[in-house]
């Protein structure tokens, strides 16, 4: 018997009131118990859903691609998750692109190195503009992502996958612009400023490996 039933019988000792009070209190107890069970089930469902989707949500931001547009720059997060992603700002040629570092990771061992391949789509032709090597550098606050640009891509998109370029084939190449902060001891930058020497370029997507 729950506490409401005991209290009711204490203040209403008469037989009639005791009988009615006990029945009402029992109903209240059953309702409270049912609500508690329902709340517990809802909590379990949300916990299970969070666990099922946690991997995608927990992927850290590897880098942030940025370009100026109006008063505020536009940014797109590049997650440390293997796969090809279409840029939310595709078909937007820019003279200068900026790649900023993503999240600083607080862990004992250094995170694995990553590759980011930026590509441009022109009709049915997809070209890799450059490959950026991402290597984490230790800092006082954790492991910070740093970048090194390879401006000589040796692959091209054939509609299904990236394939090596043969002798004589050329691709448009993005090169770094010397406006970034100094590189670290390994020659990696925490911020990259890059673009085409010949004019504006567009980044329509990227592939993370």
Foldseek 3Di string as FASTA:
>chain_A
DDPQLVVQCVVVVDPVSNVVSNVVVVVVVVVVVVVVVVVVVVVVVVVVVCVVCVVVVPFWFAKWKWDDDPPDIDIDTDTQDFDKDFDPPFPDWDAKMKIAWTDFDADDDWDDKKKKWFWHDDPQWIATAWIKIWGWDQDPVHTITWIDIDFADQWTDPNPDTDGHDPPDGGHTKDFDPPFPAAPPVRTGNMTMIGGPVGIDGGGIMGMD
